[in-house]
Amino acid sequence: MDAINEVLAVIDSFIWGPPLIALILIGGIFLTIRLGGIQFRWLPRALRYTFSNEENGKGEVTSFGALCTAMSATVGTGNIVGIATAVVAGGPGALFWMWLAALFGMATKFSEGLLAVKFRTIDSKGHVLGGPFYYIENGMGQKWRWLAKLFAFFGMCVGLLGIGTFTQVNSISSAVTGFFDPEKAYTVSILGMDYSIATIIGGLITAICAALVIIGGVKRIANVSQRIVPAMVVVFLAFSFLLIFYNIAALPQALITIVEHAFGLQAFGAGMFGAILIAMQMGLARGIFANEAGLGSAPIAAAAAQTNEPTRQGLVSMTQTFIDSMIICSMTGLALVMTGTYDIPGLEGADVTNAAFQAGLPFMPPELVSFILMICLALFGFTTILGWSYYGERCLEYLSNRSIRGVKIYRWLYIACIFIGPYMTVSMVWTIADIFNACMAVPNMIALFALSGVCAKEAKSYFTRLKAADKDESKLAERPDDSEDWKTPKAQVRQKVLEQTQD
């Protein structure tokens, strides 16, 4: 097992090296410039759109439902365990680079949401399929279909073997064990390894509950997400704000510490560059894991939104990164730095965050703090499991020409992976997730660069019409019909075939 971990660590370090970090960060900066700083100018309107659905829009779920489905996948254990892992490995400076990546990542997420709606396909039964695989194939052209298939393959693997299953259920079961059986006094031997009964029970309950929702398809996932996501976000933020306000005197120094570590000011000479690189690598890797900007996952959910305006859905998608990284992840990171628990030897994963909240809220019983954090972690992880089951299904649909049989098989494999997740090591599951993240991000970022002109043109058209309507959306002029602009003859034939074939 140690040998496997070492090999995976080498692969992870290579993939998440300077080239990919530069690709994602430069991509966000490029799109920010190309779109005229859209995340700064239109964020207030984007937040208003988040809670108001578009009337008479085409799609399978409401715009808010699509956002919650995407949020269910992004607001997960990465917000608690992933950020803790980043700060422990990369120091407090990782938070700065996470913020920077999120700030520019909002433009990336806007582009993803816009392109997802613009190039999605809707069959005769109203079933929607869209995402990077379709904006690569239909936007960039049929000759790039191989790149679309590559993305879909890696996306399916990320769901099945990475973010969607192993990391989430592993973190959930670890949190449950940490609360109910921290000393691992009650264990069962499985394949020569001893596991706490709490780990086994936590994994089983998670898998059963996930199966009941996943089998119901996208509408059931959206319905569950719309109920759980807002509630869990409010609970975690309230818990986090309580810690920050109680320790408000430590906040200024925590912010100074974050900046100092981000630029290696605590190190000297050659160590300074190494400290910066490690902070950047961990901050960007875990930041991408948390908000998924540039990864290409969120546009799969955005494509299902009931909307006729690609730009509007792009704005809604943009708020996902803001809420996830700039708010939720920041709460976790600040708690770790303000209490100093990130520097305690021997702690990893959820234990670091748990120690931070116990230290930062001394007036609360430690058991109560652990229980609240366990519930938040369980809900975060559970909704991510649901969201990524949907993403993986859609990727498989594209690869298999919408094979219903293939989707059903994938669902049961996905559920089986949830059962397996609790019995894998923390370092291994996070490393596997990082590797698949990177493989998924590359095709998507290539497409975003290639189609940036389409995004700029579409956004300009929308905001021009919005201004002409005196900024009254109800009077917004009808969007010009450009449905045939991007379709080549081959793409038109393929669209008709997809509409007529359902296995």
Foldseek 3Di string as FASTA:
>chain_A
DVVVLVVLVVLLCVLLDPVLLCLLLVLLVVLCVLQVNCCVPCLVVLVVLLPDFDPQFAFDAALVLLLLLLLLQQLALLLFFLLLQLCLFQNLLLLVLLVSSLSSLLSLLLLFLLLFQLQWFAFPVSHIFGWLLRCQPLVVHPVRNVLSLLLLVLLLCLCQQASQAQQQLQLLLVLQCCQPPVPLPAWDADPNDTDRPSSLVSLVVLLVVLLVQQVVPSVSLSVVSVPQVVVLLVLLLVLLVVLCVLLVVLQVVLVVRNVCQCQQVVDDDPVRVVSNSSSNSSSVLSSCSNQVRLLTQSSRSSNRHRHPASSSSSSNSSVSSCSGSVRSSVSQSSLLSSQVLSHDPPDHGNRSSLVSSCSSCVVDPSSVSSVSSSVSNNSSSSSSNSSSLNSSLSSVCVVVLQEPVVNVVSSVSSSVSSSVNNVDDNSVRNSVSSSSSSSSSVSSSVSCVVCSVVVSVSNVVQVVQCVVQVVDVVSRDDDDPCSCVSDDPVNVVSSNVSNVDHD
